[in-house]
């Protein structure tokens, strides 16, 4: 449990720092907005590009694991989206909720946790899962665009969706990184250093921004936020285990990895996407907080149980 706590604590601490600084007035009302702009347009794209550019295609091709993890994300995304849309009739808001319930914090928490729990062999599934959440990110963007443009003609919606996907820095960056990785070229050292500086700022700035955002009043009901959090921490790992274990019978390393990665808390990606579209991020910020704290218990229980079998 200690190493789970050690990985979760910095996430929670940075959210708390943002909340306390906002509460004390040390960071003004516009701090969250400006931090988000920095993360969305500079820091997070640099992180995504750097991560994609440093990963080879050969490492990523694990069909069984890819199928199991992607299906677990997709099933939860669709279930939460449909359940939310059934009540609100707002496709964009339902898409944000679906993404919040299926978007694991694989980059910041998944990689160190898998390395600690499974050794160096655990890095490969963590890296693969990070690219799968990119796919979920793109899928949610399509649904959000369709929801926002629901009153327009079909061809206008298609053109707008394509334009949005092609101009969204959070989607362009990992694709550009993969393209660069395929060239086997190295990045000029000073430029690589600039990218590294920006990438390092992404996670702390995003988490501090979430803490600031928690100060704002939320229109979400407790049932909604707790329901999304339960889907993330309980439903997704259960679905992933069923697909990877009884159905596909993946090796034990990959089975353990997929449960750990599916049980991770919600990452900051959905919140950043909400800010990009100037949507209400109050539900997502609370889900990030609840799942981050809750994962300390759920992940610890799984790792304890796994060590006994």
C-alpha atoms as a PDB file:
ATOM      1  CA  UNK A   1       0.000   0.000   0.000  1.00  0.00           C
ATOM      2  CA  UNK A   2       2.903   2.339   0.727  1.00  0.00           C
ATOM      3  CA  UNK A   3       4.078   2.648  -2.871  1.00  0.00           C
ATOM      4  CA  UNK A   4       0.503   3.212  -4.070  1.00  0.00           C
ATOM      5  CA  UNK A   5       0.231   5.980  -1.480  1.00  0.00           C
ATOM      6  CA  UNK A   6       3.568   7.423  -2.614  1.00  0.00           C
ATOM      7  CA  UNK A   7       2.329   7.650  -6.226  1.00  0.00           C
ATOM      8  CA  UNK A   8      -1.148   9.010  -5.363  1.00  0.00           C
ATOM      9  CA  UNK A   9      -0.006  11.548  -2.751  1.00  0.00           C
ATOM     10  CA  UNK A  10       1.717  14.004  -5.155  1.00  0.00           C
ATOM     11  CA  UNK A  11      -1.442  14.123  -7.313  1.00  0.00           C
ATOM     12  CA  UNK A  12      -3.661  14.880  -4.352  1.00  0.00           C
ATOM     13  CA  UNK A  13      -1.104  17.316  -2.881  1.00  0.00           C
ATOM     14  CA  UNK A  14      -0.934  19.415  -6.072  1.00  0.00           C
ATOM     15  CA  UNK A  15      -4.739  19.604  -6.267  1.00  0.00           C
ATOM     16  CA  UNK A  16      -4.777  20.673  -2.612  1.00  0.00           C
ATOM     17  CA  UNK A  17      -2.090  23.319  -3.229  1.00  0.00           C
ATOM     18  CA  UNK A  18      -4.186  24.827  -6.010  1.00  0.00           C
ATOM     19  CA  UNK A  19      -7.286  24.808  -3.804  1.00  0.00           C
ATOM     20  CA  UNK A  20      -5.510  26.397  -0.816  1.00  0.00           C
ATOM     21  CA  UNK A  21      -3.812  29.078  -2.945  1.00  0.00           C
ATOM     22  CA  UNK A  22      -7.134  29.964  -4.554  1.00  0.00           C
ATOM     23  CA  UNK A  23      -8.918  29.995  -1.206  1.00  0.00           C
ATOM     24  CA  UNK A  24      -6.255  32.251   0.306  1.00  0.00           C
ATOM     25  CA  UNK A  25      -6.371  34.615  -2.664  1.00  0.00           C
ATOM     26  CA  UNK A  26      -2.746  33.994  -3.638  1.00  0.00           C
ATOM     27  CA  UNK A  27      -3.881  32.964  -7.108  1.00  0.00           C
ATOM     28  CA  UNK A  28      -6.547  35.202  -8.625  1.00  0.00           C
ATOM     29  CA  UNK A  29      -9.814  34.338 -10.351  1.00  0.00           C
ATOM     30  CA  UNK A  30      -8.157  34.158 -13.779  1.00  0.00           C
ATOM     31  CA  UNK A  31      -5.339  31.878 -12.632  1.00  0.00           C
ATOM     32  CA  UNK A  32      -7.215  28.686 -13.526  1.00  0.00           C
ATOM     33  CA  UNK A  33      -8.076  29.989 -17.006  1.00  0.00           C
ATOM     34  CA  UNK A  34      -4.530  31.098 -17.792  1.00  0.00           C
ATOM     35  CA  UNK A  35      -2.982  27.906 -16.410  1.00  0.00           C
ATOM     36  CA  UNK A  36      -5.359  25.900 -18.570  1.00  0.00           C
ATOM     37  CA  UNK A  37      -4.414  27.842 -21.686  1.00  0.00           C
ATOM     38  CA  UNK A  38      -0.748  27.199 -20.980  1.00  0.00           C
ATOM     39  CA  UNK A  39      -1.357  23.475 -20.460  1.00  0.00           C
ATOM     40  CA  UNK A  40      -3.681  23.006 -23.466  1.00  0.00           C
ATOM     41  CA  UNK A  41      -1.613  24.912 -26.002  1.00  0.00           C
ATOM     42  CA  UNK A  42       1.970  24.353 -24.815  1.00  0.00           C
ATOM     43  CA  UNK A  43       2.719  21.990 -21.936  1.00  0.00           C
ATOM     44  CA  UNK A  44       0.414  19.027 -22.596  1.00  0.00           C
ATOM     45  CA  UNK A  45       1.074  18.919 -26.386  1.00  0.00           C
ATOM     46  CA  UNK A  46       4.816  18.897 -25.608  1.00  0.00           C
ATOM     47  CA  UNK A  47       4.323  16.023 -23.162  1.00  0.00           C
ATOM     48  CA  UNK A  48       2.213  14.027 -25.624  1.00  0.00           C
ATOM     49  CA  UNK A  49       4.666  14.613 -28.475  1.00  0.00           C
ATOM     50  CA  UNK A  50       7.647  13.649 -26.338  1.00  0.00           C
ATOM     51  CA  UNK A  51       5.971  10.486 -25.085  1.00  0.00           C
ATOM     52  CA  UNK A  52       4.873   9.371 -28.554  1.00  0.00           C
ATOM     53  CA  UNK A  53       8.213  10.224 -30.181  1.00  0.00           C
ATOM     54  CA  UNK A  54      10.159   8.133 -27.659  1.00  0.00           C
ATOM     55  CA  UNK A  55       8.028   4.993 -28.148  1.00  0.00           C
ATOM     56  CA  UNK A  56       8.636   2.553 -30.962  1.00  0.00           C
ATOM     57  CA  UNK A  57       5.864   0.847 -32.929  1.00  0.00           C
ATOM     58  CA  UNK A  58       7.251  -2.605 -32.148  1.00  0.00           C
ATOM     59  CA  UNK A  59       6.747  -2.114 -28.407  1.00  0.00           C
ATOM     60  CA  UNK A  60       3.131  -1.114 -28.905  1.00  0.00           C
ATOM     61  CA  UNK A  61       1.888  -4.054 -30.984  1.00  0.00           C
ATOM     62  CA  UNK A  62       0.208  -6.392 -28.461  1.00  0.00           C
ATOM     63  CA  UNK A  63      -3.167  -7.260 -30.070  1.00  0.00           C
ATOM     64  CA  UNK A  64      -4.681  -9.100 -27.084  1.00  0.00           C
ATOM     65  CA  UNK A  65      -3.871  -6.402 -24.565  1.00  0.00           C
ATOM     66  CA  UNK A  66      -4.885  -3.614 -26.959  1.00  0.00           C
ATOM     67  CA  UNK A  67      -8.248  -5.309 -27.596  1.00  0.00           C
ATOM     68  CA  UNK A  68      -8.975  -5.909 -23.909  1.00  0.00           C
ATOM     69  CA  UNK A  69      -7.990  -2.459 -22.672  1.00  0.00           C
ATOM     70  CA  UNK A  70      -9.655  -0.594 -25.530  1.00  0.00           C
ATOM     71  CA  UNK A  71     -12.908  -2.537 -25.136  1.00  0.00           C
ATOM     72  CA  UNK A  72     -12.965  -1.899 -21.381  1.00  0.00           C
ATOM     73  CA  UNK A  73     -12.553   1.843 -22.025  1.00  0.00           C
ATOM     74  CA  UNK A  74     -15.085   1.859 -24.846  1.00  0.00           C
ATOM     75  CA  UNK A  75     -17.769  -0.087 -22.952  1.00  0.00           C
ATOM     76  CA  UNK A  76     -17.564   2.186 -19.908  1.00  0.00           C
ATOM     77  CA  UNK A  77     -17.474   5.291 -22.119  1.00  0.00           C
ATOM     78  CA  UNK A  78     -20.622   4.216 -23.991  1.00  0.00           C
ATOM     79  CA  UNK A  79     -22.516   3.120 -20.860  1.00  0.00           C
ATOM     80  CA  UNK A  80     -21.887   6.379 -19.003  1.00  0.00           C
ATOM     81  CA  UNK A  81     -22.515   8.466 -22.138  1.00  0.00           C
ATOM     82  CA  UNK A  82     -25.872   6.762 -22.777  1.00  0.00           C
ATOM     83  CA  UNK A  83     -26.924   6.952 -19.113  1.00  0.00           C
ATOM     84  CA  UNK A  84     -26.086  10.661 -18.932  1.00  0.00           C
ATOM     85  CA  UNK A  85     -27.619  11.509 -22.293  1.00  0.00           C
ATOM     86  CA  UNK A  86     -30.810   9.663 -21.305  1.00  0.00           C
ATOM     87  CA  UNK A  87     -31.303  12.185 -18.488  1.00  0.00           C
ATOM     88  CA  UNK A  88     -29.815  15.400 -19.873  1.00  0.00           C
ATOM     89  CA  UNK A  89     -30.245  15.099 -23.676  1.00  0.00           C
ATOM     90  CA  UNK A  90     -26.904  16.932 -23.915  1.00  0.00           C
ATOM     91  CA  UNK A  91     -24.506  14.871 -26.040  1.00  0.00           C
ATOM     92  CA  UNK A  92     -21.481  17.088 -25.387  1.00  0.00           C
ATOM     93  CA  UNK A  93     -21.885  16.963 -21.583  1.00  0.00           C
ATOM     94  CA  UNK A  94     -22.576  13.209 -21.754  1.00  0.00           C
ATOM     95  CA  UNK A  95     -19.369  12.754 -23.777  1.00  0.00           C
ATOM     96  CA  UNK A  96     -17.324  14.560 -21.127  1.00  0.00           C
ATOM     97  CA  UNK A  97     -18.831  12.295 -18.465  1.00  0.00           C
ATOM     98  CA  UNK A  98     -18.153   9.187 -20.541  1.00  0.00           C
ATOM     99  CA  UNK A  99     -14.534  10.226 -21.061  1.00  0.00           C
ATOM    100  CA  UNK A 100     -14.121  10.980 -17.342  1.00  0.00           C
ATOM    101  CA  UNK A 101     -15.292   7.446 -16.515  1.00  0.00           C
ATOM    102  CA  UNK A 102     -12.929   5.762 -18.993  1.00  0.00           C
ATOM    103  CA  UNK A 103      -9.791   7.942 -19.122  1.00  0.00           C
ATOM    104  CA  UNK A 104      -7.123   6.463 -16.844  1.00  0.00           C
ATOM    105  CA  UNK A 105      -4.205   8.500 -15.540  1.00  0.00           C
ATOM    106  CA  UNK A 106      -1.803   6.131 -17.309  1.00  0.00           C
ATOM    107  CA  UNK A 107       1.027   8.585 -17.982  1.00  0.00           C
ATOM    108  CA  UNK A 108       1.584  10.082 -14.559  1.00  0.00           C
ATOM    109  CA  UNK A 109       0.478   7.177 -12.350  1.00  0.00           C
ATOM    110  CA  UNK A 110       0.264   4.091 -14.578  1.00  0.00           C
ATOM    111  CA  UNK A 111       3.914   3.942 -15.627  1.00  0.00           C
ATOM    112  CA  UNK A 112       5.470   4.221 -12.133  1.00  0.00           C
ATOM    113  CA  UNK A 113       2.852   1.920 -10.587  1.00  0.00           C
ATOM    114  CA  UNK A 114       3.302  -0.812 -13.194  1.00  0.00           C
ATOM    115  CA  UNK A 115       7.073  -0.539 -12.872  1.00  0.00           C
ATOM    116  CA  UNK A 116       6.881  -0.856  -9.082  1.00  0.00           C
ATOM    117  CA  UNK A 117       4.301  -3.641  -9.037  1.00  0.00           C
ATOM    118  CA  UNK A 118       5.377  -5.665 -12.088  1.00  0.00           C
ATOM    119  CA  UNK A 119       8.985  -4.685 -12.710  1.00  0.00           C
ATOM    120  CA  UNK A 120      10.430  -3.370 -15.976  1.00  0.00           C
ATOM    121  CA  UNK A 121       8.183  -5.732 -17.956  1.00  0.00           C
ATOM    122  CA  UNK A 122       5.237  -3.678 -16.694  1.00  0.00           C
ATOM    123  CA  UNK A 123       6.355  -0.614 -18.653  1.00  0.00           C
ATOM    124  CA  UNK A 124       5.181  -1.944 -22.039  1.00  0.00           C
ATOM    125  CA  UNK A 125       1.470  -2.289 -21.096  1.00  0.00           C
ATOM    126  CA  UNK A 126       1.576   1.121 -19.384  1.00  0.00           C
ATOM    127  CA  UNK A 127       2.944   2.752 -22.542  1.00  0.00           C
ATOM    128  CA  UNK A 128       0.401   0.972 -24.770  1.00  0.00           C
ATOM    129  CA  UNK A 129      -2.496   2.020 -22.520  1.00  0.00           C
ATOM    130  CA  UNK A 130      -1.377   5.642 -22.758  1.00  0.00           C
ATOM    131  CA  UNK A 131      -1.846   5.562 -26.525  1.00  0.00           C
ATOM    132  CA  UNK A 132      -5.239   3.893 -26.141  1.00  0.00           C
ATOM    133  CA  UNK A 133      -6.486   6.732 -23.948  1.00  0.00           C
ATOM    134  CA  UNK A 134      -5.382   9.069 -26.758  1.00  0.00           C
ATOM    135  CA  UNK A 135      -7.795   7.168 -29.017  1.00  0.00           C
ATOM    136  CA  UNK A 136     -10.578   7.585 -26.441  1.00  0.00           C
ATOM    137  CA  UNK A 137      -9.711  11.266 -26.320  1.00  0.00           C
ATOM    138  CA  UNK A 138     -10.180  11.567 -30.085  1.00  0.00           C
ATOM    139  CA  UNK A 139     -13.428   9.561 -29.983  1.00  0.00           C
ATOM    140  CA  UNK A 140     -14.860  11.803 -27.266  1.00  0.00           C
ATOM    141  CA  UNK A 141     -13.869  14.864 -29.295  1.00  0.00           C
ATOM    142  CA  UNK A 142     -15.967  13.606 -32.211  1.00  0.00           C
ATOM    143  CA  UNK A 143     -19.036  13.133 -29.996  1.00  0.00           C
ATOM    144  CA  UNK A 144     -18.519  16.540 -28.378  1.00  0.00           C
ATOM    145  CA  UNK A 145     -18.324  18.234 -31.779  1.00  0.00           C
ATOM    146  CA  UNK A 146     -21.468  16.438 -32.954  1.00  0.00           C
ATOM    147  CA  UNK A 147     -23.271  17.479 -29.764  1.00  0.00           C
ATOM    148  CA  UNK A 148     -22.231  21.111 -30.095  1.00  0.00           C
ATOM    149  CA  UNK A 149     -23.220  21.238 -33.777  1.00  0.00           C
ATOM    150  CA  UNK A 150     -26.395  19.148 -33.531  1.00  0.00           C
ATOM    151  CA  UNK A 151     -28.512  21.909 -35.086  1.00  0.00           C
ATOM    152  CA  UNK A 152     -26.434  22.057 -38.279  1.00  0.00           C
ATOM    153  CA  UNK A 153     -26.617  20.015 -41.473  1.00  0.00           C
ATOM    154  CA  UNK A 154     -24.796  16.684 -41.711  1.00  0.00           C
ATOM    155  CA  UNK A 155     -22.067  17.828 -44.101  1.00  0.00           C
ATOM    156  CA  UNK A 156     -21.407  20.898 -41.945  1.00  0.00           C
ATOM    157  CA  UNK A 157     -21.022  18.672 -38.874  1.00  0.00           C
ATOM    158  CA  UNK A 158     -18.591  16.364 -40.698  1.00  0.00           C
ATOM    159  CA  UNK A 159     -16.478  19.269 -41.945  1.00  0.00           C
ATOM    160  CA  UNK A 160     -16.414  20.890 -38.509  1.00  0.00           C
ATOM    161  CA  UNK A 161     -15.446  17.619 -36.787  1.00  0.00           C
ATOM    162  CA  UNK A 162     -12.609  17.018 -39.257  1.00  0.00           C
ATOM    163  CA  UNK A 163     -11.407  20.607 -38.843  1.00  0.00           C
ATOM    164  CA  UNK A 164     -11.515  20.323 -35.051  1.00  0.00           C
ATOM    165  CA  UNK A 165      -9.586  17.049 -35.035  1.00  0.00           C
ATOM    166  CA  UNK A 166      -6.963  18.495 -37.369  1.00  0.00           C
ATOM    167  CA  UNK A 167      -6.458  21.671 -35.328  1.00  0.00           C
ATOM    168  CA  UNK A 168      -6.742  20.340 -31.774  1.00  0.00           C
ATOM    169  CA  UNK A 169      -3.213  20.482 -30.265  1.00  0.00           C
ATOM    170  CA  UNK A 170      -4.041  17.640 -27.868  1.00  0.00           C
ATOM    171  CA  UNK A 171      -4.636  15.322 -30.833  1.00  0.00           C
ATOM    172  CA  UNK A 172      -2.036  16.669 -33.247  1.00  0.00           C
ATOM    173  CA  UNK A 173       0.844  16.301 -30.776  1.00  0.00           C
ATOM    174  CA  UNK A 174       0.777  12.496 -30.227  1.00  0.00           C
ATOM    175  CA  UNK A 175       0.207  11.864 -33.947  1.00  0.00           C
ATOM    176  CA  UNK A 176       3.167  14.091 -34.790  1.00  0.00           C
ATOM    177  CA  UNK A 177       5.213  12.239 -32.185  1.00  0.00           C
ATOM    178  CA  UNK A 178       4.410   8.857 -33.717  1.00  0.00           C
ATOM    179  CA  UNK A 179       5.279  10.153 -37.187  1.00  0.00           C
ATOM    180  CA  UNK A 180       8.583  11.471 -35.864  1.00  0.00           C
ATOM    181  CA  UNK A 181       9.308   8.140 -34.143  1.00  0.00           C
ATOM    182  CA  UNK A 182       8.887   6.344 -37.471  1.00  0.00           C
ATOM    183  CA  UNK A 183      11.656   8.461 -39.072  1.00  0.00           C
ATOM    184  CA  UNK A 184      14.364   7.277 -36.619  1.00  0.00           C
ATOM    185  CA  UNK A 185      15.650  10.858 -36.517  1.00  0.00           C
ATOM    186  CA  UNK A 186      16.833  12.488 -33.297  1.00  0.00           C
ATOM    187  CA  UNK A 187      15.538  15.862 -32.150  1.00  0.00           C
ATOM    188  CA  UNK A 188      18.076  18.717 -32.062  1.00  0.00           C
ATOM    189  CA  UNK A 189      19.202  18.870 -28.417  1.00  0.00           C
ATOM    190  CA  UNK A 190      18.204  22.496 -27.608  1.00  0.00           C
ATOM    191  CA  UNK A 191      14.740  21.897 -29.106  1.00  0.00           C
ATOM    192  CA  UNK A 192      14.429  18.613 -27.211  1.00  0.00           C
ATOM    193  CA  UNK A 193      15.275  20.501 -24.015  1.00  0.00           C
ATOM    194  CA  UNK A 194      12.555  23.083 -24.668  1.00  0.00           C
ATOM    195  CA  UNK A 195      10.039  20.281 -25.245  1.00  0.00           C
ATOM    196  CA  UNK A 196      11.194  18.587 -22.035  1.00  0.00           C
ATOM    197  CA  UNK A 197      10.791  21.801 -20.015  1.00  0.00           C
ATOM    198  CA  UNK A 198       7.260  22.335 -21.307  1.00  0.00           C
ATOM    199  CA  UNK A 199       6.331  18.673 -20.823  1.00  0.00           C
ATOM    200  CA  UNK A 200       7.531  18.713 -17.208  1.00  0.00           C
ATOM    201  CA  UNK A 201       5.169  21.611 -16.453  1.00  0.00           C
ATOM    202  CA  UNK A 202       2.074  19.858 -17.817  1.00  0.00           C
ATOM    203  CA  UNK A 203       0.998  17.654 -14.910  1.00  0.00           C
ATOM    204  CA  UNK A 204       1.649  20.058 -11.998  1.00  0.00           C
ATOM    205  CA  UNK A 205      -0.026  22.974 -13.766  1.00  0.00           C
ATOM    206  CA  UNK A 206      -3.054  20.856 -14.718  1.00  0.00           C
ATOM    207  CA  UNK A 207      -3.480  19.548 -11.158  1.00  0.00           C
ATOM    208  CA  UNK A 208      -3.076  22.982  -9.549  1.00  0.00           C
ATOM    209  CA  UNK A 209      -5.662  24.267 -12.018  1.00  0.00           C
ATOM    210  CA  UNK A 210      -8.080  21.532 -10.953  1.00  0.00           C
ATOM    211  CA  UNK A 211      -7.606  22.593  -7.330  1.00  0.00           C
ATOM    212  CA  UNK A 212      -8.484  26.165  -8.287  1.00  0.00           C
ATOM    213  CA  UNK A 213     -11.509  24.952 -10.208  1.00  0.00           C
ATOM    214  CA  UNK A 214     -12.835  23.110  -7.162  1.00  0.00           C
ATOM    215  CA  UNK A 215     -13.521  26.519  -5.616  1.00  0.00           C
ATOM    216  CA  UNK A 216     -16.251  27.137  -8.162  1.00  0.00           C
ATOM    217  CA  UNK A 217     -19.807  26.060  -7.504  1.00  0.00           C
ATOM    218  CA  UNK A 218     -20.781  22.800  -9.160  1.00  0.00           C
ATOM    219  CA  UNK A 219     -24.146  22.180 -10.804  1.00  0.00           C
ATOM    220  CA  UNK A 220     -23.574  18.426 -10.659  1.00  0.00           C
ATOM    221  CA  UNK A 221     -25.476  16.261  -8.208  1.00  0.00           C
ATOM    222  CA  UNK A 222     -23.463  14.063  -5.798  1.00  0.00           C
ATOM    223  CA  UNK A 223     -25.102  11.039  -7.430  1.00  0.00           C
ATOM    224  CA  UNK A 224     -23.637  11.999 -10.810  1.00  0.00           C
ATOM    225  CA  UNK A 225     -20.052  12.517  -9.625  1.00  0.00           C
ATOM    226  CA  UNK A 226     -20.052   9.417  -7.426  1.00  0.00           C
ATOM    227  CA  UNK A 227     -21.633   7.357 -10.213  1.00  0.00           C
ATOM    228  CA  UNK A 228     -18.914   8.362 -12.686  1.00  0.00           C
ATOM    229  CA  UNK A 229     -16.234   7.701 -10.065  1.00  0.00           C
ATOM    230  CA  UNK A 230     -17.637   4.221  -9.330  1.00  0.00           C
ATOM    231  CA  UNK A 231     -17.664   3.426 -13.051  1.00  0.00           C
ATOM    232  CA  UNK A 232     -13.994   4.426 -13.249  1.00  0.00           C
ATOM    233  CA  UNK A 233     -12.662   2.654 -10.164  1.00  0.00           C
ATOM    234  CA  UNK A 234     -14.895  -0.438 -10.074  1.00  0.00           C
ATOM    235  CA  UNK A 235     -16.709  -1.073 -13.351  1.00  0.00           C
ATOM    236  CA  UNK A 236     -13.810  -0.520 -15.754  1.00  0.00           C
ATOM    237  CA  UNK A 237     -11.276  -2.809 -14.010  1.00  0.00           C
ATOM    238  CA  UNK A 238     -13.938  -5.513 -13.639  1.00  0.00           C
ATOM    239  CA  UNK A 239     -14.784  -5.378 -17.352  1.00  0.00           C
ATOM    240  CA  UNK A 240     -11.081  -5.337 -18.247  1.00  0.00           C
ATOM    241  CA  UNK A 241     -10.429  -8.403 -16.084  1.00  0.00           C
ATOM    242  CA  UNK A 242     -13.328 -10.346 -17.636  1.00  0.00           C
ATOM    243  CA  UNK A 243     -12.147  -9.603 -21.182  1.00  0.00           C
ATOM    244  CA  UNK A 244      -8.431 -10.135 -20.522  1.00  0.00           C
ATOM    245  CA  UNK A 245      -8.790 -13.164 -18.244  1.00  0.00           C
ATOM    246  CA  UNK A 246     -11.724 -15.539 -18.861  1.00  0.00           C
ATOM    247  CA  UNK A 247     -12.274 -14.456 -22.492  1.00  0.00           C
ATOM    248  CA  UNK A 248      -8.819 -13.779 -24.013  1.00  0.00           C
ATOM    249  CA  UNK A 249      -6.739 -15.633 -21.389  1.00  0.00           C
ATOM    250  CA  UNK A 250      -3.831 -13.173 -21.483  1.00  0.00           C
ATOM    251  CA  UNK A 251      -0.598 -14.056 -19.639  1.00  0.00           C
ATOM    252  CA  UNK A 252      -0.633 -13.179 -15.944  1.00  0.00           C
ATOM    253  CA  UNK A 253       1.684 -10.158 -16.378  1.00  0.00           C
ATOM    254  CA  UNK A 254      -0.610  -8.550 -18.932  1.00  0.00           C
ATOM    255  CA  UNK A 255      -3.711  -9.492 -16.924  1.00  0.00           C
ATOM    256  CA  UNK A 256      -2.360  -7.840 -13.775  1.00  0.00           C
ATOM    257  CA  UNK A 257      -1.255  -4.806 -15.764  1.00  0.00           C
ATOM    258  CA  UNK A 258      -4.649  -4.290 -17.370  1.00  0.00           C
ATOM    259  CA  UNK A 259      -6.436  -4.407 -14.000  1.00  0.00           C
ATOM    260  CA  UNK A 260      -4.001  -1.901 -12.480  1.00  0.00           C
ATOM    261  CA  UNK A 261      -4.251   0.446 -15.467  1.00  0.00           C
ATOM    262  CA  UNK A 262      -8.054   0.218 -15.615  1.00  0.00           C
ATOM    263  CA  UNK A 263      -8.357   0.913 -11.881  1.00  0.00           C
ATOM    264  CA  UNK A 264      -6.308   4.110 -12.082  1.00  0.00           C
ATOM    265  CA  UNK A 265      -8.058   7.392 -11.282  1.00  0.00           C
ATOM    266  CA  UNK A 266      -9.277   9.773 -13.973  1.00  0.00           C
ATOM    267  CA  UNK A 267      -6.464  11.760 -15.552  1.00  0.00           C
ATOM    268  CA  UNK A 268      -6.492  15.469 -16.296  1.00  0.00           C
ATOM    269  CA  UNK A 269      -7.165  14.970 -20.036  1.00  0.00           C
ATOM    270  CA  UNK A 270     -10.988  15.270 -19.843  1.00  0.00           C
ATOM    271  CA  UNK A 271     -10.660  18.436 -17.754  1.00  0.00           C
ATOM    272  CA  UNK A 272      -8.250  19.940 -20.269  1.00  0.00           C
ATOM    273  CA  UNK A 273     -10.624  19.045 -23.104  1.00  0.00           C
ATOM    274  CA  UNK A 274     -13.515  20.714 -21.263  1.00  0.00           C
ATOM    275  CA  UNK A 275     -11.429  23.852 -20.892  1.00  0.00           C
ATOM    276  CA  UNK A 276     -10.499  23.726 -24.578  1.00  0.00           C
ATOM    277  CA  UNK A 277     -14.213  23.779 -25.446  1.00  0.00           C
ATOM    278  CA  UNK A 278     -14.990  26.298 -22.667  1.00  0.00           C
ATOM    279  CA  UNK A 279     -17.366  23.757 -21.101  1.00  0.00           C
ATOM    280  CA  UNK A 280     -18.256  23.297 -17.437  1.00  0.00           C
ATOM    281  CA  UNK A 281     -15.431  21.311 -15.859  1.00  0.00           C
ATOM    282  CA  UNK A 282     -16.848  21.151 -12.336  1.00  0.00           C
ATOM    283  CA  UNK A 283     -18.047  17.543 -12.667  1.00  0.00           C
ATOM    284  CA  UNK A 284     -14.716  16.392 -14.093  1.00  0.00           C
ATOM    285  CA  UNK A 285     -12.645  18.197 -11.452  1.00  0.00           C
ATOM    286  CA  UNK A 286     -14.577  16.487  -8.684  1.00  0.00           C
ATOM    287  CA  UNK A 287     -14.328  13.105 -10.381  1.00  0.00           C
ATOM    288  CA  UNK A 288     -10.541  13.551 -10.640  1.00  0.00           C
ATOM    289  CA  UNK A 289     -10.384  14.327  -6.929  1.00  0.00           C
ATOM    290  CA  UNK A 290     -12.706  11.478  -5.826  1.00  0.00           C
ATOM    291  CA  UNK A 291     -11.043   8.852  -8.008  1.00  0.00           C
ATOM    292  CA  UNK A 292      -7.535   9.964  -7.015  1.00  0.00           C
ATOM    293  CA  UNK A 293      -8.322   9.531  -3.326  1.00  0.00           C
ATOM    294  CA  UNK A 294     -10.455   6.415  -3.902  1.00  0.00           C
ATOM    295  CA  UNK A 295      -7.775   4.698  -5.984  1.00  0.00           C
ATOM    296  CA  UNK A 296      -5.529   4.615  -2.944  1.00  0.00           C
ATOM    297  CA  UNK A 297      -7.911   2.031  -1.471  1.00  0.00           C
ATOM    298  CA  UNK A 298      -8.931   0.119  -4.606  1.00  0.00           C
ATOM    299  CA  UNK A 299      -5.419  -0.243  -6.025  1.00  0.00           C
ATOM    300  CA  UNK A 300      -3.982  -1.181  -2.635  1.00  0.00           C
ATOM    301  CA  UNK A 301      -6.630  -3.889  -2.183  1.00  0.00           C
ATOM    302  CA  UNK A 302      -5.939  -5.330  -5.634  1.00  0.00           C
ATOM    303  CA  UNK A 303      -2.167  -5.358  -5.162  1.00  0.00           C
ATOM    304  CA  UNK A 304      -2.565  -6.949  -1.720  1.00  0.00           C
ATOM    305  CA  UNK A 305      -4.923  -9.605  -3.101  1.00  0.00           C
ATOM    306  CA  UNK A 306      -2.660 -10.235  -6.079  1.00  0.00           C
ATOM    307  CA  UNK A 307       0.368 -10.770  -3.818  1.00  0.00           C
ATOM    308  CA  UNK A 308      -1.462 -13.565  -1.993  1.00  0.00           C
ATOM    309  CA  UNK A 309      -2.274 -15.724  -5.037  1.00  0.00           C
END
